[in-house]
Amino acid sequence: MQLVHRPQSGDSRVIASDLEFADSFLSQARGLMFRRSLADDSALVFQFDSDAKRDVHMLFVPFAIDALWLVDNEVQATKRLRPWLGLGRESADTLIEVPAGAADGVAVGDTVEIVG
């Protein structure tokens, strides 16, 4: 599977090809905590049944990430989160965490899809 960014104008591009799904309560609660890094071509994907405010914290995450909040594959917000101290909260039915810089160029209103 791939995570594909489709901007409102311009060519689409693959953000990540190695997707991990946080699909249990425990994996969602843990997220990226206690990991040393996130590989350049990786993404952690949280999918929910409905859109609601979704929080991201960086407690016990020693590296920066980009977070994407999506509703029906449309980007609602993006944020670069700092190691240990970063916080973010936006509405989403899908939340995606990628290495810092991987979401450069992704803007509100663009589409990000899981393909494959």
PDB file of N, CA and C in Angstrom:
ATOM      1  N   MET A   1       0.829  -1.189   0.000  1.00  0.00           N
ATOM      2  CA  MET A   1       0.000   0.000   0.000  1.00  0.00           C
ATOM      3  C   MET A   1       0.868   1.245   0.000  1.00  0.00           C
ATOM      4  N   GLN A   2       0.298   2.308  -0.508  1.00  0.00           N
ATOM      5  CA  GLN A   2       1.009   3.579  -0.560  1.00  0.00           C
ATOM      6  C   GLN A   2       0.105   4.697  -0.052  1.00  0.00           C
ATOM      7  N   LEU A   3       0.741   5.714   0.481  1.00  0.00           N
ATOM      8  CA  LEU A   3       0.061   6.936   0.879  1.00  0.00           C
ATOM      9  C   LEU A   3       0.361   7.967  -0.198  1.00  0.00           C
ATOM     10  N   VAL A   4      -0.693   8.386  -0.925  1.00  0.00           N
ATOM     11  CA  VAL A   4      -0.515   9.249  -2.091  1.00  0.00           C
ATOM     12  C   VAL A   4      -1.117  10.624  -1.833  1.00  0.00           C
ATOM     13  N   HIS A   5      -0.322  11.662  -2.087  1.00  0.00           N
ATOM     14  CA  HIS A   5      -0.763  13.053  -1.973  1.00  0.00           C
ATOM     15  C   HIS A   5      -1.195  13.530  -3.348  1.00  0.00           C
ATOM     16  N   ARG A   6      -2.448  14.002  -3.424  1.00  0.00           N
ATOM     17  CA  ARG A   6      -2.979  14.566  -4.665  1.00  0.00           C
ATOM     18  C   ARG A   6      -3.311  16.034  -4.395  1.00  0.00           C
ATOM     19  N   PRO A   7      -2.412  16.940  -4.767  1.00  0.00           N
ATOM     20  CA  PRO A   7      -2.652  18.365  -4.519  1.00  0.00           C
ATOM     21  C   PRO A   7      -3.791  18.891  -5.382  1.00  0.00           C
ATOM     22  N   GLN A   8      -4.316  20.035  -4.997  1.00  0.00           N
ATOM     23  CA  GLN A   8      -5.391  20.654  -5.764  1.00  0.00           C
ATOM     24  C   GLN A   8      -4.910  21.036  -7.158  1.00  0.00           C
ATOM     25  N   SER A   9      -3.636  21.336  -7.278  1.00  0.00           N
ATOM     26  CA  SER A   9      -3.038  21.586  -8.591  1.00  0.00           C
ATOM     27  C   SER A   9      -1.654  20.949  -8.598  1.00  0.00           C
ATOM     28  N   GLY A  10      -1.288  20.365  -9.702  1.00  0.00           N
ATOM     29  CA  GLY A  10       0.020  19.731  -9.806  1.00  0.00           C
ATOM     30  C   GLY A  10      -0.074  18.222  -9.797  1.00  0.00           C
ATOM     31  N   ASP A  11       1.088  17.588  -9.816  1.00  0.00           N
ATOM     32  CA  ASP A  11       1.173  16.138  -9.910  1.00  0.00           C
ATOM     33  C   ASP A  11       1.081  15.487  -8.539  1.00  0.00           C
ATOM     34  N   SER A  12       0.519  14.279  -8.509  1.00  0.00           N
ATOM     35  CA  SER A  12       0.454  13.518  -7.265  1.00  0.00           C
ATOM     36  C   SER A  12       1.824  12.908  -6.979  1.00  0.00           C
ATOM     37  N   ARG A  13       2.034  12.562  -5.707  1.00  0.00           N
ATOM     38  CA  ARG A  13       3.299  11.942  -5.316  1.00  0.00           C
ATOM     39  C   ARG A  13       3.058  10.989  -4.156  1.00  0.00           C
ATOM     40  N   VAL A  14       3.920  10.016  -4.027  1.00  0.00           N
ATOM     41  CA  VAL A  14       3.843   9.052  -2.939  1.00  0.00           C
ATOM     42  C   VAL A  14       4.556   9.639  -1.729  1.00  0.00           C
ATOM     43  N   ILE A  15       3.847   9.698  -0.613  1.00  0.00           N
ATOM     44  CA  ILE A  15       4.437  10.185   0.639  1.00  0.00           C
ATOM     45  C   ILE A  15       5.116   9.040   1.372  1.00  0.00           C
ATOM     46  N   ALA A  16       4.475   7.863   1.373  1.00  0.00           N
ATOM     47  CA  ALA A  16       5.022   6.710   2.090  1.00  0.00           C
ATOM     48  C   ALA A  16       4.560   5.422   1.412  1.00  0.00           C
ATOM     49  N   SER A  17       5.438   4.418   1.450  1.00  0.00           N
ATOM     50  CA  SER A  17       5.109   3.108   0.883  1.00  0.00           C
ATOM     51  C   SER A  17       5.046   2.013   1.935  1.00  0.00           C
ATOM     52  N   ASP A  18       5.490   2.321   3.133  1.00  0.00           N
ATOM     53  CA  ASP A  18       5.471   1.354   4.235  1.00  0.00           C
ATOM     54  C   ASP A  18       4.475   1.866   5.275  1.00  0.00           C
ATOM     55  N   LEU A  19       3.227   1.384   5.203  1.00  0.00           N
ATOM     56  CA  LEU A  19       2.169   1.864   6.090  1.00  0.00           C
ATOM     57  C   LEU A  19       1.932   0.884   7.225  1.00  0.00           C
ATOM     58  N   GLU A  20       1.843   1.431   8.413  1.00  0.00           N
ATOM     59  CA  GLU A  20       1.491   0.655   9.597  1.00  0.00           C
ATOM     60  C   GLU A  20       0.167   1.212  10.109  1.00  0.00           C
ATOM     61  N   PHE A  21      -0.761   0.332  10.440  1.00  0.00           N
ATOM     62  CA  PHE A  21      -2.074   0.764  10.902  1.00  0.00           C
ATOM     63  C   PHE A  21      -2.201   0.554  12.404  1.00  0.00           C
ATOM     64  N   ALA A  22      -2.554   1.615  13.108  1.00  0.00           N
ATOM     65  CA  ALA A  22      -2.844   1.533  14.539  1.00  0.00           C
ATOM     66  C   ALA A  22      -4.323   1.185  14.637  1.00  0.00           C
ATOM     67  N   ASP A  23      -4.612  -0.131  14.685  1.00  0.00           N
ATOM     68  CA  ASP A  23      -6.000  -0.562  14.584  1.00  0.00           C
ATOM     69  C   ASP A  23      -6.557  -1.191  15.861  1.00  0.00           C
ATOM     70  N   SER A  24      -5.820  -1.118  16.946  1.00  0.00           N
ATOM     71  CA  SER A  24      -6.336  -1.591  18.228  1.00  0.00           C
ATOM     72  C   SER A  24      -6.240  -0.448  19.229  1.00  0.00           C
ATOM     73  N   PHE A  25      -6.956  -0.574  20.316  1.00  0.00           N
ATOM     74  CA  PHE A  25      -6.912   0.457  21.354  1.00  0.00           C
ATOM     75  C   PHE A  25      -5.480   0.659  21.841  1.00  0.00           C
ATOM     76  N   LEU A  26      -4.782  -0.431  22.085  1.00  0.00           N
ATOM     77  CA  LEU A  26      -3.412  -0.339  22.590  1.00  0.00           C
ATOM     78  C   LEU A  26      -2.477   0.315  21.573  1.00  0.00           C
ATOM     79  N   SER A  27      -2.557  -0.077  20.304  1.00  0.00           N
ATOM     80  CA  SER A  27      -1.669   0.510  19.296  1.00  0.00           C
ATOM     81  C   SER A  27      -1.998   1.987  19.071  1.00  0.00           C
ATOM     82  N   GLN A  28      -3.256   2.366  19.201  1.00  0.00           N
ATOM     83  CA  GLN A  28      -3.629   3.774  19.072  1.00  0.00           C
ATOM     84  C   GLN A  28      -3.136   4.581  20.266  1.00  0.00           C
ATOM     85  N   ALA A  29      -3.237   4.007  21.447  1.00  0.00           N
ATOM     86  CA  ALA A  29      -2.772   4.713  22.646  1.00  0.00           C
ATOM     87  C   ALA A  29      -1.254   4.869  22.644  1.00  0.00           C
ATOM     88  N   ARG A  30      -0.537   3.870  22.160  1.00  0.00           N
ATOM     89  CA  ARG A  30       0.923   3.915  22.137  1.00  0.00           C
ATOM     90  C   ARG A  30       1.447   4.797  21.012  1.00  0.00           C
ATOM     91  N   GLY A  31       0.838   4.709  19.822  1.00  0.00           N
ATOM     92  CA  GLY A  31       1.301   5.517  18.697  1.00  0.00           C
ATOM     93  C   GLY A  31       2.779   5.322  18.447  1.00  0.00           C
ATOM     94  N   LEU A  32       3.526   6.405  18.438  1.00  0.00           N
ATOM     95  CA  LEU A  32       4.973   6.354  18.195  1.00  0.00           C
ATOM     96  C   LEU A  32       5.802   6.431  19.482  1.00  0.00           C
ATOM     97  N   MET A  33       5.142   6.408  20.631  1.00  0.00           N
ATOM     98  CA  MET A  33       5.883   6.496  21.895  1.00  0.00           C
ATOM     99  C   MET A  33       6.895   5.358  22.010  1.00  0.00           C
ATOM    100  N   PHE A  34       8.051   5.690  22.552  1.00  0.00           N
ATOM    101  CA  PHE A  34       9.134   4.758  22.857  1.00  0.00           C
ATOM    102  C   PHE A  34       9.871   4.228  21.636  1.00  0.00           C
ATOM    103  N   ARG A  35       9.548   4.710  20.454  1.00  0.00           N
ATOM    104  CA  ARG A  35      10.323   4.342  19.266  1.00  0.00           C
ATOM    105  C   ARG A  35      11.498   5.307  19.134  1.00  0.00           C
ATOM    106  N   ARG A  36      12.547   4.850  18.488  1.00  0.00           N
ATOM    107  CA  ARG A  36      13.714   5.703  18.286  1.00  0.00           C
ATOM    108  C   ARG A  36      13.600   6.545  17.031  1.00  0.00           C
ATOM    109  N   SER A  37      12.814   6.075  16.056  1.00  0.00           N
ATOM    110  CA  SER A  37      12.683   6.802  14.790  1.00  0.00           C
ATOM    111  C   SER A  37      11.487   6.249  14.017  1.00  0.00           C
ATOM    112  N   LEU A  38      11.209   6.911  12.916  1.00  0.00           N
ATOM    113  CA  LEU A  38      10.215   6.457  11.948  1.00  0.00           C
ATOM    114  C   LEU A  38      10.928   6.490  10.606  1.00  0.00           C
ATOM    115  N   ALA A  39      10.999   5.359   9.926  1.00  0.00           N
ATOM    116  CA  ALA A  39      11.734   5.268   8.661  1.00  0.00           C
ATOM    117  C   ALA A  39      11.214   6.294   7.654  1.00  0.00           C
ATOM    118  N   ASP A  40      12.099   6.760   6.779  1.00  0.00           N
ATOM    119  CA  ASP A  40      11.775   7.816   5.819  1.00  0.00           C
ATOM    120  C   ASP A  40      10.551   7.515   4.964  1.00  0.00           C
ATOM    121  N   ASP A  41      10.331   6.283   4.609  1.00  0.00           N
ATOM    122  CA  ASP A  41       9.241   5.914   3.701  1.00  0.00           C
ATOM    123  C   ASP A  41       8.036   5.330   4.449  1.00  0.00           C
ATOM    124  N   SER A  42       7.939   5.621   5.761  1.00  0.00           N
ATOM    125  CA  SER A  42       6.908   5.019   6.605  1.00  0.00           C
ATOM    126  C   SER A  42       5.842   6.010   7.026  1.00  0.00           C
ATOM    127  N   ALA A  43       4.695   5.450   7.413  1.00  0.00           N
ATOM    128  CA  ALA A  43       3.607   6.242   7.979  1.00  0.00           C
ATOM    129  C   ALA A  43       2.855   5.382   8.987  1.00  0.00           C
ATOM    130  N   LEU A  44       2.388   6.014  10.054  1.00  0.00           N
ATOM    131  CA  LEU A  44       1.503   5.370  11.010  1.00  0.00           C
ATOM    132  C   LEU A  44       0.119   5.953  10.771  1.00  0.00           C
ATOM    133  N   VAL A  45      -0.859   5.078  10.502  1.00  0.00           N
ATOM    134  CA  VAL A  45      -2.202   5.497  10.101  1.00  0.00           C
ATOM    135  C   VAL A  45      -3.204   5.090  11.165  1.00  0.00           C
ATOM    136  N   PHE A  46      -4.009   6.051  11.611  1.00  0.00           N
ATOM    137  CA  PHE A  46      -5.095   5.820  12.555  1.00  0.00           C
ATOM    138  C   PHE A  46      -6.402   6.065  11.802  1.00  0.00           C
ATOM    139  N   GLN A  47      -7.234   5.045  11.660  1.00  0.00           N
ATOM    140  CA  GLN A  47      -8.521   5.205  10.982  1.00  0.00           C
ATOM    141  C   GLN A  47      -9.640   5.035  12.005  1.00  0.00           C
ATOM    142  N   PHE A  48     -10.619   5.929  11.946  1.00  0.00           N
ATOM    143  CA  PHE A  48     -11.721   5.937  12.897  1.00  0.00           C
ATOM    144  C   PHE A  48     -13.045   5.822  12.153  1.00  0.00           C
ATOM    145  N   ASP A  49     -14.092   5.450  12.867  1.00  0.00           N
ATOM    146  CA  ASP A  49     -15.417   5.263  12.267  1.00  0.00           C
ATOM    147  C   ASP A  49     -16.092   6.565  11.870  1.00  0.00           C
ATOM    148  N   SER A  50     -15.737   7.652  12.537  1.00  0.00           N
ATOM    149  CA  SER A  50     -16.362   8.944  12.240  1.00  0.00           C
ATOM    150  C   SER A  50     -15.356  10.051  12.516  1.00  0.00           C
ATOM    151  N   ASP A  51     -15.680  11.255  12.021  1.00  0.00           N
ATOM    152  CA  ASP A  51     -14.759  12.351  12.298  1.00  0.00           C
ATOM    153  C   ASP A  51     -15.114  12.982  13.645  1.00  0.00           C
ATOM    154  N   ALA A  52     -14.076  13.338  14.366  1.00  0.00           N
ATOM    155  CA  ALA A  52     -14.168  13.980  15.673  1.00  0.00           C
ATOM    156  C   ALA A  52     -12.822  14.641  15.934  1.00  0.00           C
ATOM    157  N   LYS A  53     -12.745  15.419  16.977  1.00  0.00           N
ATOM    158  CA  LYS A  53     -11.460  16.010  17.353  1.00  0.00           C
ATOM    159  C   LYS A  53     -10.494  14.900  17.737  1.00  0.00           C
ATOM    160  N   ARG A  54      -9.318  14.898  17.139  1.00  0.00           N
ATOM    161  CA  ARG A  54      -8.287  13.882  17.389  1.00  0.00           C
ATOM    162  C   ARG A  54      -7.018  14.568  17.879  1.00  0.00           C
ATOM    163  N   ASP A  55      -6.525  14.099  19.022  1.00  0.00           N
ATOM    164  CA  ASP A  55      -5.334  14.666  19.647  1.00  0.00           C
ATOM    165  C   ASP A  55      -4.087  13.875  19.271  1.00  0.00           C
ATOM    166  N   VAL A  56      -2.978  14.592  19.135  1.00  0.00           N
ATOM    167  CA  VAL A  56      -1.659  13.987  18.971  1.00  0.00           C
ATOM    168  C   VAL A  56      -0.738  14.654  19.980  1.00  0.00           C
ATOM    169  N   HIS A  57      -0.008  13.835  20.729  1.00  0.00           N
ATOM    170  CA  HIS A  57       1.000  14.374  21.645  1.00  0.00           C
ATOM    171  C   HIS A  57       2.331  13.696  21.349  1.00  0.00           C
ATOM    172  N   MET A  58       3.388  14.337  21.737  1.00  0.00           N
ATOM    173  CA  MET A  58       4.722  13.829  21.440  1.00  0.00           C
ATOM    174  C   MET A  58       5.478  13.359  22.694  1.00  0.00           C
ATOM    175  N   LEU A  59       4.756  13.125  23.769  1.00  0.00           N
ATOM    176  CA  LEU A  59       5.371  12.619  24.987  1.00  0.00           C
ATOM    177  C   LEU A  59       6.033  11.269  24.700  1.00  0.00           C
ATOM    178  N   PHE A  60       7.291  11.135  25.048  1.00  0.00           N
ATOM    179  CA  PHE A  60       8.092   9.931  24.814  1.00  0.00           C
ATOM    180  C   PHE A  60       8.332   9.637  23.331  1.00  0.00           C
ATOM    181  N   VAL A  61       8.232  10.659  22.487  1.00  0.00           N
ATOM    182  CA  VAL A  61       8.585  10.527  21.069  1.00  0.00           C
ATOM    183  C   VAL A  61       9.790  11.447  20.840  1.00  0.00           C
ATOM    184  N   PRO A  62      10.986  10.877  20.658  1.00  0.00           N
ATOM    185  CA  PRO A  62      12.213  11.681  20.612  1.00  0.00           C
ATOM    186  C   PRO A  62      12.594  12.215  19.224  1.00  0.00           C
ATOM    187  N   PHE A  63      11.664  12.269  18.300  1.00  0.00           N
ATOM    188  CA  PHE A  63      11.951  12.770  16.955  1.00  0.00           C
ATOM    189  C   PHE A  63      10.730  13.532  16.450  1.00  0.00           C
ATOM    190  N   ALA A  64      10.958  14.476  15.550  1.00  0.00           N
ATOM    191  CA  ALA A  64       9.871  15.288  14.999  1.00  0.00           C
ATOM    192  C   ALA A  64       9.081  14.497  13.957  1.00  0.00           C
ATOM    193  N   ILE A  65       7.801  14.834  13.827  1.00  0.00           N
ATOM    194  CA  ILE A  65       6.943  14.219  12.816  1.00  0.00           C
ATOM    195  C   ILE A  65       6.064  15.292  12.172  1.00  0.00           C
ATOM    196  N   ASP A  66       5.464  14.925  11.044  1.00  0.00           N
ATOM    197  CA  ASP A  66       4.383  15.702  10.450  1.00  0.00           C
ATOM    198  C   ASP A  66       3.098  14.921  10.696  1.00  0.00           C
ATOM    199  N   ALA A  67       2.057  15.600  11.141  1.00  0.00           N
ATOM    200  CA  ALA A  67       0.752  14.974  11.356  1.00  0.00           C
ATOM    201  C   ALA A  67      -0.235  15.540  10.342  1.00  0.00           C
ATOM    202  N   LEU A  68      -1.070  14.663   9.804  1.00  0.00           N
ATOM    203  CA  LEU A  68      -2.105  15.049   8.840  1.00  0.00           C
ATOM    204  C   LEU A  68      -3.450  14.591   9.382  1.00  0.00           C
ATOM    205  N   TRP A  69      -4.400  15.519   9.459  1.00  0.00           N
ATOM    206  CA  TRP A  69      -5.761  15.201   9.868  1.00  0.00           C
ATOM    207  C   TRP A  69      -6.632  15.219   8.611  1.00  0.00           C
ATOM    208  N   LEU A  70      -7.327  14.111   8.326  1.00  0.00           N
ATOM    209  CA  LEU A  70      -8.137  13.977   7.118  1.00  0.00           C
ATOM    210  C   LEU A  70      -9.596  13.687   7.464  1.00  0.00           C
ATOM    211  N   VAL A  71     -10.507  14.186   6.640  1.00  0.00           N
ATOM    212  CA  VAL A  71     -11.907  13.778   6.662  1.00  0.00           C
ATOM    213  C   VAL A  71     -12.256  13.411   5.229  1.00  0.00           C
ATOM    214  N   ASP A  72     -12.674  12.156   5.033  1.00  0.00           N
ATOM    215  CA  ASP A  72     -12.978  11.654   3.682  1.00  0.00           C
ATOM    216  C   ASP A  72     -11.828  11.918   2.711  1.00  0.00           C
ATOM    217  N   ASN A  73     -10.599  11.674   3.174  1.00  0.00           N
ATOM    218  CA  ASN A  73      -9.355  11.824   2.397  1.00  0.00           C
ATOM    219  C   ASN A  73      -8.967  13.275   2.114  1.00  0.00           C
ATOM    220  N   GLU A  74      -9.747  14.240   2.552  1.00  0.00           N
ATOM    221  CA  GLU A  74      -9.400  15.649   2.350  1.00  0.00           C
ATOM    222  C   GLU A  74      -8.646  16.167   3.571  1.00  0.00           C
ATOM    223  N   VAL A  75      -7.529  16.815   3.321  1.00  0.00           N
ATOM    224  CA  VAL A  75      -6.691  17.339   4.399  1.00  0.00           C
ATOM    225  C   VAL A  75      -7.407  18.491   5.100  1.00  0.00           C
ATOM    226  N   GLN A  76      -7.593  18.324   6.410  1.00  0.00           N
ATOM    227  CA  GLN A  76      -8.207  19.354   7.241  1.00  0.00           C
ATOM    228  C   GLN A  76      -7.149  20.225   7.916  1.00  0.00           C
ATOM    229  N   ALA A  77      -5.994  19.594   8.227  1.00  0.00           N
ATOM    230  CA  ALA A  77      -4.909  20.315   8.889  1.00  0.00           C
ATOM    231  C   ALA A  77      -3.619  19.516   8.769  1.00  0.00           C
ATOM    232  N   THR A  78      -2.506  20.219   8.811  1.00  0.00           N
ATOM    233  CA  THR A  78      -1.183  19.600   8.881  1.00  0.00           C
ATOM    234  C   THR A  78      -0.398  20.341   9.951  1.00  0.00           C
ATOM    235  N   LYS A  79       0.502  19.624  10.593  1.00  0.00           N
ATOM    236  CA  LYS A  79       1.307  20.285  11.621  1.00  0.00           C
ATOM    237  C   LYS A  79       2.606  19.516  11.822  1.00  0.00           C
ATOM    238  N   ARG A  80       3.705  20.249  11.905  1.00  0.00           N
ATOM    239  CA  ARG A  80       4.996  19.680  12.289  1.00  0.00           C
ATOM    240  C   ARG A  80       5.031  19.677  13.809  1.00  0.00           C
ATOM    241  N   LEU A  81       5.262  18.509  14.390  1.00  0.00           N
ATOM    242  CA  LEU A  81       5.276  18.370  15.847  1.00  0.00           C
ATOM    243  C   LEU A  81       6.693  18.121  16.330  1.00  0.00           C
ATOM    244  N   ARG A  82       7.110  18.892  17.316  1.00  0.00           N
ATOM    245  CA  ARG A  82       8.456  18.794  17.876  1.00  0.00           C
ATOM    246  C   ARG A  82       8.591  17.575  18.780  1.00  0.00           C
ATOM    247  N   PRO A  83       9.796  17.047  18.899  1.00  0.00           N
ATOM    248  CA  PRO A  83      10.023  15.924  19.816  1.00  0.00           C
ATOM    249  C   PRO A  83       9.631  16.299  21.245  1.00  0.00           C
ATOM    250  N   TRP A  84       9.068  15.370  21.948  1.00  0.00           N
ATOM    251  CA  TRP A  84       8.727  15.449  23.368  1.00  0.00           C
ATOM    252  C   TRP A  84       7.625  16.446  23.706  1.00  0.00           C
ATOM    253  N   LEU A  85       7.558  17.590  23.043  1.00  0.00           N
ATOM    254  CA  LEU A  85       6.671  18.667  23.483  1.00  0.00           C
ATOM    255  C   LEU A  85       5.531  18.990  22.532  1.00  0.00           C
ATOM    256  N   GLY A  86       5.544  18.466  21.327  1.00  0.00           N
ATOM    257  CA  GLY A  86       4.542  18.836  20.333  1.00  0.00           C
ATOM    258  C   GLY A  86       3.148  18.379  20.707  1.00  0.00           C
ATOM    259  N   LEU A  87       2.172  19.194  20.345  1.00  0.00           N
ATOM    260  CA  LEU A  87       0.753  18.882  20.555  1.00  0.00           C
ATOM    261  C   LEU A  87      -0.031  19.327  19.334  1.00  0.00           C
ATOM    262  N   GLY A  88      -1.066  18.587  18.992  1.00  0.00           N
ATOM    263  CA  GLY A  88      -1.955  18.981  17.913  1.00  0.00           C
ATOM    264  C   GLY A  88      -3.342  18.424  18.151  1.00  0.00           C
ATOM    265  N   ARG A  89      -4.350  19.150  17.682  1.00  0.00           N
ATOM    266  CA  ARG A  89      -5.732  18.694  17.821  1.00  0.00           C
ATOM    267  C   ARG A  89      -6.567  19.289  16.699  1.00  0.00           C
ATOM    268  N   GLU A  90      -7.170  18.420  15.918  1.00  0.00           N
ATOM    269  CA  GLU A  90      -8.031  18.842  14.814  1.00  0.00           C
ATOM    270  C   GLU A  90      -9.081  17.766  14.595  1.00  0.00           C
ATOM    271  N   SER A  91     -10.074  18.060  13.766  1.00  0.00           N
ATOM    272  CA  SER A  91     -11.096  17.073  13.409  1.00  0.00           C
ATOM    273  C   SER A  91     -10.561  16.141  12.336  1.00  0.00           C
ATOM    274  N   ALA A  92     -10.870  14.846  12.470  1.00  0.00           N
ATOM    275  CA  ALA A  92     -10.414  13.869  11.475  1.00  0.00           C
ATOM    276  C   ALA A  92     -11.164  12.555  11.626  1.00  0.00           C
ATOM    277  N   ASP A  93     -11.292  11.838  10.512  1.00  0.00           N
ATOM    278  CA  ASP A  93     -11.684  10.432  10.565  1.00  0.00           C
ATOM    279  C   ASP A  93     -10.468   9.550  10.282  1.00  0.00           C
ATOM    280  N   THR A  94      -9.378  10.175   9.812  1.00  0.00           N
ATOM    281  CA  THR A  94      -8.092   9.504   9.619  1.00  0.00           C
ATOM    282  C   THR A  94      -6.986  10.456  10.056  1.00  0.00           C
ATOM    283  N   LEU A  95      -6.086   9.935  10.847  1.00  0.00           N
ATOM    284  CA  LEU A  95      -4.927  10.692  11.305  1.00  0.00           C
ATOM    285  C   LEU A  95      -3.695   9.950  10.816  1.00  0.00           C
ATOM    286  N   ILE A  96      -2.761  10.692  10.240  1.00  0.00           N
ATOM    287  CA  ILE A  96      -1.553  10.075   9.688  1.00  0.00           C
ATOM    288  C   ILE A  96      -0.329  10.776  10.257  1.00  0.00           C
ATOM    289  N   GLU A  97       0.642   9.968  10.698  1.00  0.00           N
ATOM    290  CA  GLU A  97       1.912  10.484  11.204  1.00  0.00           C
ATOM    291  C   GLU A  97       3.029   9.996  10.289  1.00  0.00           C
ATOM    292  N   VAL A  98       3.831  10.931   9.802  1.00  0.00           N
ATOM    293  CA  VAL A  98       4.948  10.627   8.908  1.00  0.00           C
ATOM    294  C   VAL A  98       6.193  11.343   9.426  1.00  0.00           C
ATOM    295  N   PRO A  99       7.378  10.951   8.968  1.00  0.00           N
ATOM    296  CA  PRO A  99       8.594  11.647   9.398  1.00  0.00           C
ATOM    297  C   PRO A  99       8.531  13.131   9.041  1.00  0.00           C
ATOM    298  N   ALA A 100       9.146  13.953   9.869  1.00  0.00           N
ATOM    299  CA  ALA A 100       9.184  15.396   9.616  1.00  0.00           C
ATOM    300  C   ALA A 100       9.744  15.655   8.216  1.00  0.00           C
ATOM    301  N   GLY A 101       9.030  16.467   7.468  1.00  0.00           N
ATOM    302  CA  GLY A 101       9.431  16.813   6.109  1.00  0.00           C
ATOM    303  C   GLY A 101       8.707  16.017   5.040  1.00  0.00           C
ATOM    304  N   ALA A 102       8.185  14.837   5.389  1.00  0.00           N
ATOM    305  CA  ALA A 102       7.512  14.000   4.394  1.00  0.00           C
ATOM    306  C   ALA A 102       6.225  14.636   3.884  1.00  0.00           C
ATOM    307  N   ALA A 103       5.605  15.479   4.702  1.00  0.00           N
ATOM    308  CA  ALA A 103       4.345  16.115   4.297  1.00  0.00           C
ATOM    309  C   ALA A 103       4.549  17.542   3.793  1.00  0.00           C
ATOM    310  N   ASP A 104       5.798  17.930   3.542  1.00  0.00           N
ATOM    311  CA  ASP A 104       6.035  19.256   2.968  1.00  0.00           C
ATOM    312  C   ASP A 104       5.256  19.378   1.660  1.00  0.00           C
ATOM    313  N   GLY A 105       4.556  20.461   1.488  1.00  0.00           N
ATOM    314  CA  GLY A 105       3.772  20.680   0.280  1.00  0.00           C
ATOM    315  C   GLY A 105       2.334  20.207   0.381  1.00  0.00           C
ATOM    316  N   VAL A 106       1.993  19.464   1.437  1.00  0.00           N
ATOM    317  CA  VAL A 106       0.602  19.044   1.632  1.00  0.00           C
ATOM    318  C   VAL A 106      -0.143  20.213   2.272  1.00  0.00           C
ATOM    319  N   ALA A 107      -1.273  20.585   1.667  1.00  0.00           N
ATOM    320  CA  ALA A 107      -2.023  21.760   2.138  1.00  0.00           C
ATOM    321  C   ALA A 107      -3.469  21.384   2.439  1.00  0.00           C
ATOM    322  N   VAL A 108      -4.094  22.196   3.271  1.00  0.00           N
ATOM    323  CA  VAL A 108      -5.513  22.024   3.561  1.00  0.00           C
ATOM    324  C   VAL A 108      -6.281  22.051   2.254  1.00  0.00           C
ATOM    325  N   GLY A 109      -7.196  21.097   2.077  1.00  0.00           N
ATOM    326  CA  GLY A 109      -7.974  20.994   0.855  1.00  0.00           C
ATOM    327  C   GLY A 109      -7.423  19.973  -0.128  1.00  0.00           C
ATOM    328  N   ASP A 110      -6.144  19.614   0.006  1.00  0.00           N
ATOM    329  CA  ASP A 110      -5.576  18.560  -0.834  1.00  0.00           C
ATOM    330  C   ASP A 110      -6.172  17.209  -0.429  1.00  0.00           C
ATOM    331  N   THR A 111      -5.924  16.196  -1.244  1.00  0.00           N
ATOM    332  CA  THR A 111      -6.369  14.844  -0.950  1.00  0.00           C
ATOM    333  C   THR A 111      -5.149  13.981  -0.628  1.00  0.00           C
ATOM    334  N   VAL A 112      -5.283  13.144   0.391  1.00  0.00           N
ATOM    335  CA  VAL A 112      -4.272  12.145   0.720  1.00  0.00           C
ATOM    336  C   VAL A 112      -5.015  10.823   0.845  1.00  0.00           C
ATOM    337  N   GLU A 113      -4.599   9.836   0.037  1.00  0.00           N
ATOM    338  CA  GLU A 113      -5.303   8.563  -0.032  1.00  0.00           C
ATOM    339  C   GLU A 113      -4.375   7.383   0.202  1.00  0.00           C
ATOM    340  N   ILE A 114      -4.955   6.331   0.768  1.00  0.00           N
ATOM    341  CA  ILE A 114      -4.267   5.054   0.868  1.00  0.00           C
ATOM    342  C   ILE A 114      -4.642   4.263  -0.370  1.00  0.00           C
ATOM    343  N   VAL A 115      -3.638   3.906  -1.163  1.00  0.00           N
ATOM    344  CA  VAL A 115      -3.864   3.233  -2.440  1.00  0.00           C
ATOM    345  C   VAL A 115      -3.199   1.857  -2.408  1.00  0.00           C
ATOM    346  N   GLY A 116      -3.904   0.877  -2.982  1.00  0.00           N
ATOM    347  CA  GLY A 116      -3.316  -0.459  -3.091  1.00  0.00           C
ATOM    348  C   GLY A 116      -3.906  -1.408  -2.183  1.00  0.00           C
TER     349      GLY A 116
END
